[in-house]
Protein backbone atom coordinates (compact mmCIF):
# COMPACT_ATOMS: atom_id res chain seq x y z
CA MET A 1 10.30 -19.56 202.69
CA TYR A 2 11.72 -16.07 202.56
CA HIS A 3 15.06 -14.68 203.10
CA ILE A 4 16.33 -11.17 204.08
CA SER A 5 17.51 -10.73 200.43
CA ASP A 6 13.78 -11.06 199.24
CA LEU A 7 12.58 -8.42 201.81
CA LYS A 8 15.37 -6.11 200.68
CA LYS A 9 14.49 -6.66 196.91
CA PHE A 10 10.66 -6.13 197.58
CA LEU A 11 11.43 -2.84 199.47
CA ARG A 12 13.53 -1.74 196.53
CA CYS A 13 10.86 -2.50 193.94
CA GLU A 14 7.74 -4.75 194.40
CA ARG A 15 7.69 -5.66 190.58
CA LEU A 16 11.42 -6.42 190.48
CA TYR A 17 10.95 -9.02 193.33
CA CYS A 18 7.88 -10.43 191.82
CA TYR A 19 9.27 -10.94 188.31
CA SER A 20 12.66 -12.17 189.49
CA LYS A 21 11.64 -14.68 192.25
CA ASP A 22 11.46 -17.55 189.92
CA ASN A 23 14.69 -16.66 188.07
CA ASP A 24 17.14 -19.63 188.57
CA ASN A 25 20.22 -17.71 187.53
CA ALA A 26 22.83 -18.09 190.27
CA PHE A 27 23.95 -15.07 191.97
CA LYS A 28 27.51 -14.04 190.93
CA PRO A 29 29.07 -11.69 193.29
CA TYR A 30 31.10 -8.54 192.13
CA LEU A 31 33.78 -9.14 194.53
CA ARG A 32 35.87 -12.19 194.25
CA ALA A 33 36.44 -14.33 197.45
CA ASP A 34 38.35 -17.54 196.76
CA GLU A 35 38.96 -17.99 200.47
CA ASN A 36 36.29 -19.11 202.82
CA ILE A 37 35.40 -16.23 204.98
CA SER A 38 34.11 -18.34 207.76
CA GLU A 39 37.52 -20.36 207.93
CA LEU A 40 39.30 -17.01 208.17
CA LEU A 41 37.09 -15.84 210.82
CA LYS A 42 37.79 -19.10 212.83
CA GLN A 43 41.37 -18.44 212.55
CA TYR A 44 41.03 -14.78 213.62
CA PHE A 45 39.00 -15.91 216.76
CA ASP A 46 41.13 -18.99 217.45
CA ILE A 47 37.97 -21.07 217.12
CA GLN A 48 39.08 -24.76 217.48
CA GLU A 49 35.59 -26.41 217.74
CA CYS A 50 32.41 -24.91 216.61
CA PHE A 51 28.80 -25.66 215.49
CA GLU A 52 28.75 -25.10 211.67
CA GLY A 53 25.36 -24.53 209.97
CA VAL A 54 24.79 -25.91 206.42
CA ARG A 55 22.09 -24.93 203.80
CA ASN A 56 18.66 -26.01 204.75
CA ASP A 57 19.45 -26.72 208.34
CA PRO A 58 16.39 -26.99 210.50
CA PRO A 59 16.45 -24.27 213.12
CA GLU A 60 16.04 -26.96 215.80
CA ARG A 61 19.64 -28.20 215.16
CA PHE A 62 21.11 -25.13 216.73
CA PHE A 63 19.05 -25.57 220.02
CA SER A 64 19.79 -29.30 220.09
CA GLU A 65 23.50 -28.53 220.26
CA ILE A 66 23.52 -25.20 222.15
CA GLY A 67 25.25 -26.86 225.10
CA ARG A 68 28.06 -28.38 223.15
CA TYR A 69 29.73 -25.28 221.71
CA GLU A 70 30.82 -21.91 222.47
CA TRP A 71 30.99 -20.62 218.84
CA PHE A 72 28.43 -21.03 216.14
CA VAL A 73 29.06 -20.44 212.52
CA HIS A 74 26.18 -19.68 210.17
CA PRO A 75 23.28 -21.14 212.35
CA ARG A 76 19.96 -20.98 210.75
CA PHE A 77 16.84 -19.67 212.44
CA SER A 78 13.33 -19.09 211.25
CA ASP A 79 10.05 -17.35 212.21
CA GLY A 80 7.16 -18.43 210.22
CA GLU A 81 8.07 -18.28 206.46
CA LEU A 82 11.24 -16.16 207.05
CA ARG A 83 14.70 -17.79 207.48
CA VAL A 84 17.77 -15.99 208.53
CA ASN A 85 21.35 -16.98 209.37
CA VAL A 86 24.13 -15.35 211.44
CA PRO A 87 27.67 -15.34 210.17
CA LEU A 88 29.05 -15.91 213.65
CA MET A 89 27.74 -16.15 217.23
CA HIS A 90 29.49 -16.37 220.49
CA LYS A 91 27.94 -17.88 223.70
CA ASN A 92 28.92 -15.49 226.53
CA GLY A 93 27.29 -16.84 229.62
CA ASP A 94 23.49 -16.90 229.06
CA VAL A 95 23.59 -14.41 226.18
CA PHE A 96 24.88 -14.60 222.58
CA ASP A 97 27.10 -12.11 220.93
CA LEU A 98 26.41 -11.76 217.21
CA TYR A 99 29.07 -10.85 214.55
CA PHE A 100 27.93 -9.52 211.13
CA VAL A 101 30.54 -9.39 208.33
CA TYR A 102 30.25 -6.10 206.48
CA TYR A 103 32.25 -5.53 203.12
CA GLY A 104 31.51 -1.85 202.67
CA VAL A 105 32.91 1.33 203.97
CA MET A 106 29.70 2.78 205.53
CA VAL A 107 26.79 0.85 206.92
CA LYS A 108 23.66 1.77 205.06
CA GLU A 109 19.99 1.62 206.09
CA LEU A 110 19.21 -1.61 204.22
CA ASP A 111 22.18 -3.32 206.17
CA LEU A 112 20.69 -2.14 209.46
CA LEU A 113 17.42 -3.47 208.33
CA SER A 114 19.02 -6.95 207.78
CA TYR A 115 20.51 -6.99 211.25
CA ARG A 116 17.13 -5.63 212.80
CA VAL A 117 15.32 -8.44 211.10
CA THR A 118 17.87 -11.15 212.11
CA VAL A 119 17.80 -9.88 215.79
CA LYS A 120 14.15 -9.98 215.92
CA VAL A 121 13.95 -13.48 214.47
CA LEU A 122 16.38 -14.77 217.19
CA LYS A 123 14.60 -13.01 220.00
CA ARG A 124 11.36 -14.54 218.94
CA ALA A 125 13.28 -17.88 218.93
CA GLY A 126 14.18 -17.33 222.60
CA VAL A 127 17.76 -16.35 221.90
CA ARG A 128 18.98 -13.67 224.45
CA ILE A 129 21.29 -10.97 222.59
CA GLY A 130 24.38 -9.80 224.16
CA GLU A 131 26.63 -7.44 222.06
CA ILE A 132 26.46 -6.92 218.36
CA TYR A 133 29.68 -6.54 216.42
CA LEU A 134 30.57 -5.74 212.84
CA VAL A 135 33.57 -7.56 211.18
CA ARG A 136 35.31 -5.44 208.32
CA PHE A 137 38.30 -6.09 206.43
CA ASP A 138 41.29 -3.87 207.26
CA GLY A 139 42.14 -1.85 204.21
CA ASP A 140 45.60 -1.27 205.48
CA TYR A 141 46.52 -4.94 205.72
CA VAL A 142 49.04 -6.05 203.07
CA ASN A 143 49.64 -9.83 202.20
CA GLU A 144 53.34 -10.23 202.85
CA GLY A 145 53.60 -13.67 201.30
CA GLN A 146 51.16 -15.55 203.48
CA LEU A 147 47.56 -14.55 204.22
CA ASP A 148 47.37 -13.64 208.00
CA ALA A 149 43.87 -13.87 209.17
CA LYS A 150 44.96 -12.33 212.47
CA LYS A 151 45.66 -9.16 210.73
CA LEU A 152 42.97 -9.25 208.11
CA PHE A 153 40.01 -8.05 210.09
CA LEU A 154 38.74 -5.21 212.19
CA VAL A 155 36.00 -5.92 214.84
CA SER A 156 34.08 -3.24 216.49
CA ASP A 157 30.75 -2.79 218.29
CA ARG A 158 30.38 0.77 216.89
CA ASN A 159 29.73 2.48 213.58
CA LYS A 160 30.51 6.19 213.42
CA ASN A 161 30.86 6.25 217.23
CA LYS A 162 27.25 4.74 217.71
CA ARG A 163 26.85 1.29 219.07
CA ILE A 164 25.59 -1.18 216.63
CA LYS A 165 23.28 -2.68 219.07
CA ASP A 166 21.67 0.79 219.75
CA LEU A 167 21.27 1.41 216.01
CA VAL A 168 19.79 -2.12 215.55
CA GLU A 169 17.36 -2.02 218.63
CA ARG A 170 16.15 1.58 218.48
CA GLU A 171 13.74 0.72 215.73
CA ASP A 172 11.41 -2.18 215.25
CA PHE A 173 10.66 -3.66 211.90
CA ASP A 174 7.45 -5.21 211.11
CA TYR A 175 8.41 -7.91 208.80
CA ASP A 176 5.12 -10.00 209.47
CA SER A 177 3.18 -7.11 207.58
CA LEU A 178 5.83 -7.04 204.82
CA ILE A 179 5.78 -10.79 204.21
CA MET A 180 1.96 -10.75 204.12
CA LYS A 181 2.13 -7.83 201.49
CA MET A 182 4.71 -10.02 199.42
CA GLU A 183 2.50 -13.02 199.58
CA ASN A 184 -0.45 -11.03 198.31
CA TYR A 185 1.19 -8.80 195.83
CA ASP A 186 -0.03 -9.10 192.36
CA PRO A 187 1.45 -6.76 189.80
CA SER A 188 -1.58 -7.03 187.55
CA CYS A 189 -3.76 -5.33 190.01
CA GLU A 190 -2.19 -2.00 189.85
CA PRO A 191 -0.35 0.07 187.23
CA ALA A 192 3.44 0.14 187.10
CA ARG A 193 5.16 3.19 188.51
CA LYS A 194 8.61 4.21 187.41
CA CYS A 195 11.26 4.32 190.02
CA ARG A 196 14.97 4.89 190.21
CA TYR A 197 15.70 1.17 189.73
CA CYS A 198 14.08 1.08 186.33
CA LYS A 199 17.20 2.52 184.53
CA LEU A 200 19.67 2.68 187.43
CA ASN A 201 22.51 0.55 185.71
CA GLY A 202 20.97 0.41 182.24
CA LEU A 203 17.52 -0.76 181.46
CA CYS A 204 16.06 -3.19 184.04
CA GLU A 205 15.60 -6.72 182.43
CA TYR A 206 11.94 -6.61 183.51
CA TYR A 207 11.12 -3.14 182.25
CA ARG A 208 9.05 -4.39 179.37
CA ASN A 209 6.98 -6.49 181.72
CA CYS A 210 6.12 -3.37 183.53
CA PHE A 211 5.60 -0.94 180.50
CA PRO A 212 4.82 -3.32 177.50
CA ASP A 213 3.05 -0.73 175.52
CA GLU A 214 5.39 2.24 176.19
CA LYS A 215 6.49 3.98 172.96
CA GLU A 216 10.21 4.24 172.50
CA GLU A 217 11.41 7.68 173.50
CA ASP A 218 12.87 9.88 170.77
CA ASP A 219 16.84 10.11 170.93
CA ASP A 220 16.42 13.74 171.96
CA SER A 221 13.80 13.01 174.58
CA ILE A 222 13.93 15.31 177.58
CA LEU A 223 14.24 12.19 179.69
CA THR A 224 17.75 11.73 178.32
CA LEU A 225 18.96 15.05 179.94
CA VAL A 226 21.80 14.08 182.27
CA SER A 227 22.48 15.19 185.79
CA SER A 228 18.91 16.51 185.95
CA GLN A 229 16.57 16.73 188.92
CA HIS A 230 13.69 18.12 186.98
CA LYS A 231 13.56 16.16 183.63
CA ASN A 232 10.53 14.00 184.82
CA GLN A 233 8.82 17.22 186.03
CA MET A 234 9.34 18.77 182.62
CA TYR A 235 8.04 15.64 180.88
CA LEU A 236 4.89 15.68 182.97
CA HIS A 237 4.35 19.23 181.91
CA GLY A 238 4.43 18.35 178.29
CA ILE A 239 8.01 19.09 177.46
CA ARG A 240 9.33 16.29 175.31
CA TYR A 241 12.43 17.28 173.51
CA LEU A 242 15.71 18.60 174.83
CA LYS A 243 15.48 21.64 172.66
CA ASP A 244 12.29 22.88 174.43
CA ALA A 245 13.85 22.36 177.93
CA ASP A 246 12.72 24.95 180.58
CA VAL A 247 15.81 27.09 181.23
CA ASP A 248 14.78 27.76 184.83
CA LEU A 249 14.75 24.07 185.60
CA LEU A 250 18.34 23.29 184.24
CA GLU A 251 21.42 22.74 186.26
CA GLY A 252 23.38 24.52 183.41
CA ASN A 253 26.24 22.11 183.10
CA LYS A 254 28.33 21.79 179.90
CA ILE A 255 26.74 18.42 178.93
CA GLN A 256 23.19 19.62 179.37
CA TYR A 257 24.16 22.79 176.99
CA ALA A 258 25.62 20.26 174.47
CA GLN A 259 22.55 17.99 174.58
CA ILE A 260 20.07 20.96 174.15
CA MET A 261 22.19 22.40 171.12
CA ALA A 262 22.37 19.04 169.49
CA SER A 263 18.59 18.88 169.66
CA LYS A 264 18.27 22.26 168.28
CA ASN A 265 20.97 21.65 165.47
CA GLY A 266 19.37 18.52 164.14
CA GLY A 267 20.96 15.91 166.23
CA LEU A 268 24.75 16.83 166.53
CA PHE A 269 26.56 19.39 168.36
CA ILE A 270 30.29 20.06 168.18
CA ASP A 271 32.20 22.82 170.09
CA ARG A 272 34.71 22.79 167.16
CA TYR A 273 37.62 24.59 168.46
CA PRO A 274 38.08 23.07 171.81
CA LEU A 275 37.67 19.80 170.09
CA ILE A 276 40.38 20.66 167.58
CA GLU A 277 42.73 21.81 170.25
CA TRP A 278 42.06 18.43 172.18
CA LEU A 279 42.71 16.38 169.20
CA ALA A 280 46.00 18.36 168.47
CA LYS A 281 47.51 17.14 171.76
CA ILE A 282 47.52 13.49 170.38
CA GLU A 283 48.73 13.92 166.79
CA GLU A 284 52.11 12.39 167.56
CA ARG A 285 52.77 8.97 166.07
CA PRO A 286 52.91 6.16 167.23
CA ILE A 287 49.37 6.33 168.86
CA SER A 288 48.13 3.62 171.04
CA PHE A 289 44.61 2.51 172.00
CA ILE A 290 44.39 0.14 175.08
CA ASP A 291 41.90 -1.49 177.27
CA PHE A 292 42.36 -3.45 180.41
CA GLU A 293 40.26 -6.04 182.18
CA TRP A 294 40.57 -6.98 185.94
CA ASP A 295 38.95 -8.84 188.77
CA ARG A 296 38.65 -7.41 192.18
CA TYR A 297 39.50 -9.65 195.19
CA LEU A 298 37.71 -9.39 198.58
CA VAL A 299 40.59 -11.35 200.20
CA PRO A 300 44.05 -10.41 199.29
CA ILE A 301 45.27 -13.82 198.55
CA TYR A 302 48.46 -12.77 196.55
CA GLU A 303 51.57 -11.10 197.88
CA GLY A 304 51.49 -7.25 197.96
CA MET A 305 47.68 -7.13 197.74
CA ARG A 306 45.27 -5.42 200.19
CA PRO A 307 41.59 -6.22 200.57
CA MET A 308 39.56 -5.15 197.55
CA ASP A 309 42.72 -4.92 195.54
CA VAL A 310 42.46 -5.95 191.72
CA VAL A 311 44.33 -8.37 189.50
CA CYS A 312 44.70 -7.20 185.92
CA PHE A 313 44.29 -10.20 183.77
CA GLU A 314 44.04 -8.82 180.25
CA PHE A 315 44.85 -6.06 178.00
CA ALA A 316 44.14 -5.46 174.35
CA LEU A 317 46.30 -2.94 172.37
CA TYR A 318 46.01 -1.46 168.90
CA TYR A 319 48.79 1.06 167.81
CA ILE A 320 49.33 3.16 164.55
CA ASP A 321 53.09 3.29 164.00
CA THR A 322 55.05 6.31 162.45
CA GLU A 323 54.41 4.82 159.02
CA GLY A 324 50.58 4.79 159.57
CA LYS A 325 50.47 0.94 159.85
CA MET A 326 48.12 -0.41 162.56
CA GLU A 327 49.46 -3.20 164.70
CA HIS A 328 47.46 -5.36 167.32
CA ARG A 329 48.50 -7.20 170.61
CA THR A 330 46.71 -8.85 173.25
CA PHE A 331 47.60 -10.51 176.58
CA VAL A 332 45.45 -12.80 178.82
CA GLY A 333 46.86 -14.47 181.94
CA THR A 334 45.56 -16.74 184.55
CA GLY A 335 46.06 -17.01 188.29
CA ASP A 336 48.36 -14.33 189.86
CA CYS A 337 49.35 -12.89 186.49
CA ARG A 338 50.08 -9.36 187.66
CA ARG A 339 53.81 -9.42 186.82
CA GLU A 340 53.41 -11.10 183.52
CA PHE A 341 50.72 -8.34 182.65
CA VAL A 342 53.29 -5.62 183.46
CA GLU A 343 56.18 -7.27 181.56
CA ALA A 344 53.75 -7.95 178.50
CA LEU A 345 52.63 -4.26 178.65
CA PHE A 346 56.43 -3.20 178.58
CA ASP A 347 57.06 -5.65 175.53
CA TYR A 348 54.02 -4.69 173.39
CA LEU A 349 53.47 -0.95 174.10
CA PRO A 350 55.36 1.53 171.92
CA GLU A 351 57.92 3.34 173.94
CA SER A 352 56.74 6.80 173.11
CA GLY A 353 53.52 8.48 171.76
CA PRO A 354 50.24 9.17 173.18
CA ILE A 355 47.92 6.39 174.68
CA LEU A 356 44.09 6.66 174.66
CA ALA A 357 41.74 4.87 177.00
CA TYR A 358 38.26 5.44 178.00
CA ASN A 359 37.78 6.89 181.45
CA ALA A 360 41.49 6.44 181.74
CA MET A 361 42.26 8.16 184.83
CA GLY A 362 39.80 6.17 186.85
CA ALA A 363 40.52 2.88 185.10
CA GLU A 364 43.71 2.21 183.32
CA CYS A 365 45.94 4.83 184.94
CA LEU A 366 44.72 3.89 188.34
CA ARG A 367 45.45 0.15 187.57
CA LEU A 368 48.93 1.07 186.72
CA TYR A 369 49.57 3.13 189.71
CA GLU A 370 48.42 0.19 191.88
CA LEU A 371 50.71 -2.22 190.05
CA GLY A 372 53.57 0.31 190.70
CA GLU A 373 52.86 0.10 194.35
CA MET A 374 52.69 -3.71 194.29
CA PHE A 375 55.99 -3.90 192.28
CA PRO A 376 58.40 -0.96 193.33
CA GLU A 377 60.78 -2.20 190.74
CA TYR A 378 58.44 -1.32 187.99
CA ARG A 379 57.13 1.94 189.56
CA ASP A 380 59.08 4.46 187.55
CA ARG A 381 58.39 2.93 184.23
CA LEU A 382 54.76 2.47 184.85
CA ALA A 383 54.58 6.15 185.99
CA ALA A 384 56.20 7.25 182.80
CA ILE A 385 53.47 5.28 180.87
CA ASN A 386 50.79 6.92 183.03
CA LYS A 387 51.98 10.47 181.92
CA ARG A 388 51.28 9.50 178.04
CA PHE A 389 47.54 8.75 178.65
CA TYR A 390 44.75 10.73 177.20
CA ASP A 391 41.00 10.12 178.32
CA LEU A 392 38.88 9.60 175.12
CA ALA A 393 35.90 10.22 177.34
CA GLU A 394 36.83 13.79 177.93
CA PRO A 395 35.46 15.37 174.83
CA PHE A 396 32.04 14.02 175.62
CA LEU A 397 32.12 14.68 179.39
CA GLU A 398 33.38 18.23 178.79
CA GLY A 399 30.60 18.94 176.36
CA MET A 400 32.71 19.40 173.28
CA ILE A 401 30.44 17.01 171.35
CA TYR A 402 27.15 15.35 171.69
CA ASP A 403 25.07 13.24 169.29
CA VAL A 404 21.51 12.61 170.32
CA ARG A 405 21.73 8.98 169.26
CA MET A 406 23.73 8.70 172.54
CA GLN A 407 20.55 9.03 174.46
CA GLY A 408 22.31 10.44 177.47
CA ASN A 409 24.47 7.22 177.42
CA PHE A 410 28.26 8.09 177.56
CA THR A 411 29.74 4.50 177.42
CA LEU A 412 32.41 3.45 174.78
CA LYS A 413 29.90 0.67 173.71
CA LYS A 414 27.14 3.24 172.81
CA LEU A 415 29.72 5.38 170.94
CA VAL A 416 31.01 2.36 168.99
CA ASP A 417 27.41 1.45 168.10
CA ILE A 418 26.79 5.09 166.84
CA CYS A 419 30.09 5.53 164.84
CA SER A 420 30.48 1.96 163.34
CA ASP A 421 28.89 -1.20 162.21
CA TYR A 422 30.40 -3.11 165.04
CA SER A 423 28.40 -4.59 167.68
CA TYR A 424 29.16 -6.18 171.05
CA LYS A 425 25.86 -8.04 170.80
CA ASP A 426 27.65 -10.38 168.25
CA LEU A 427 30.22 -11.46 170.88
CA ASP A 428 29.86 -14.45 173.09
CA ILE A 429 31.46 -12.26 175.86
CA TYR A 430 29.72 -8.92 175.48
CA ASP A 431 30.48 -6.80 178.69
CA GLY A 432 33.12 -6.40 181.47
CA MET A 433 31.40 -8.40 184.18
CA ALA A 434 30.70 -11.32 181.64
CA ALA A 435 34.53 -11.15 181.00
CA VAL A 436 35.28 -11.32 184.63
CA PHE A 437 32.97 -14.12 185.39
CA ASN A 438 34.43 -16.32 182.72
CA TRP A 439 37.92 -15.56 183.60
CA ARG A 440 37.07 -16.61 187.19
CA ASP A 441 35.88 -19.97 186.16
CA ILE A 442 38.71 -20.72 183.53
CA ASP A 443 40.57 -23.12 185.95
CA LYS A 444 37.27 -25.18 186.16
CA LYS A 445 37.24 -25.82 182.55
CA ASN A 446 38.69 -28.60 180.37
CA SER A 447 41.41 -27.58 177.78
CA GLU A 448 38.88 -27.04 174.92
CA GLU A 449 36.54 -24.89 177.00
CA GLU A 450 39.55 -22.99 178.31
CA GLU A 451 40.70 -22.22 174.86
CA LYS A 452 37.32 -20.93 173.99
CA ILE A 453 37.16 -18.75 176.92
CA LEU A 454 40.55 -17.12 176.16
CA GLU A 455 39.70 -16.53 172.57
CA ASP A 456 36.20 -14.81 173.54
CA LEU A 457 38.01 -12.74 176.12
CA LYS A 458 40.58 -11.48 173.53
CA GLU A 459 37.72 -10.84 171.09
CA TYR A 460 35.68 -8.77 173.74
CA CYS A 461 38.68 -6.78 175.02
CA SER A 462 40.06 -6.19 171.45
CA LEU A 463 36.85 -4.69 170.46
CA ASP A 464 37.05 -2.26 173.31
CA ALA A 465 40.59 -1.35 172.15
CA TYR A 466 39.54 -1.09 168.54
CA GLY A 467 36.43 0.97 169.47
CA LEU A 468 38.73 3.54 170.91
CA PHE A 469 40.32 3.89 167.44
CA LEU A 470 36.91 3.91 165.87
CA VAL A 471 35.68 6.80 168.00
CA TYR A 472 38.87 8.68 167.65
CA ARG A 473 38.63 8.48 163.87
CA TRP A 474 34.90 9.60 164.13
CA LEU A 475 35.96 12.75 166.06
CA ILE A 476 38.42 13.57 163.42
CA LYS A 477 35.86 13.05 160.62
CA LEU A 478 33.35 15.25 162.40
CA VAL A 479 35.66 18.06 162.88
CA ILE A 480 36.62 17.97 159.11
CA GLU A 481 33.04 17.85 158.17
CA SER A 482 32.16 20.82 160.37
CA LYS A 483 34.19 23.21 158.52
């Protein structure tokens, strides 16, 4: 059987679908939803009795109980090998109104495709469609101590002043042909072609299945040129290295200039005086290096939260005091640990001196601002801390420095790999999402497993914080060596 998610994956990349369809790894959502969305919708619509579909329901079950209920939660339907389900249906006379739950801000074309496929399957099954609604979370809703489903959602039959039903029904989608293509697709029958998904969020895990004989690109390959619309064109025209880039095909930003100069200079470019000026801003001691971890909640289950708000559950801190001694502190909380997080931060963070984080303004500083909004009594102290932050990513993103070993990758992990012998690969928890997923499951573990997760979380977050120090020290070393 096929599901809409299979169709969408195949449309993105046939090979990704083919190689991943037998993968048994359970899907882990980016957004955390501890509350049952269907139960909240039942509260919103005052649904007392309803049909409730379950996994692997035969389609006949809906039709056998169509006369008993007015509301239908997750009924299943099928057309040949394709199965779909609808979050919510309402019987309105001899037609059924459909409710699709949408978590984003703007409906994308692949979302409309999902709705079109679902509607077509229902129509083929003989279901007459009335109105089609989108159910969104109200971003202005604030939990005032108890979750109020009546205020949580926004329901509309329109998207950008256009009826959802018109958007869905104005185009047909031939899923029969697509499914036939999926059934007959054989990746060995045609050469692999590179697409945007090959390296969209890092290297696709099936990349080597598609390109097993591909030679590793050099560190200063033209394909590492960032923010470039024309790097593939240059590569096809025989330009292999950054130093040989066609100036007429460059966007001309600071990072591209730094990359090309690094390639011409043997691998490293330093714009020395701007970098010295930047480093001079943070000479004061104590100097702190800090990293936060947080989870994002779809449903605001705790007081003061809005939909999509985060709970900061961990920080790791290293700081060098006025005597040059380094200290290390960590905090990991469980459940609603927002207040504990803030109070631990006040306890552990030096009261003065610069604070370094990576992508600070979009991460740590934003989190502190949000915590100040949630806890007004802490707002001024958190705002004062925010003013002390410096973003360690700035020298790299402003083109002050580039090392070709970065390969166009500006993450802290990549920089730590370059400037030290430390490796995230040695950790049991090795990236931010792994930290989130482990923290989410911590209350399901026994005491021994919980202790192991807490230690692994501290080890991962601490390497992020210590990595900031390593990169900072590396920048100073490079400035000294560049004299």
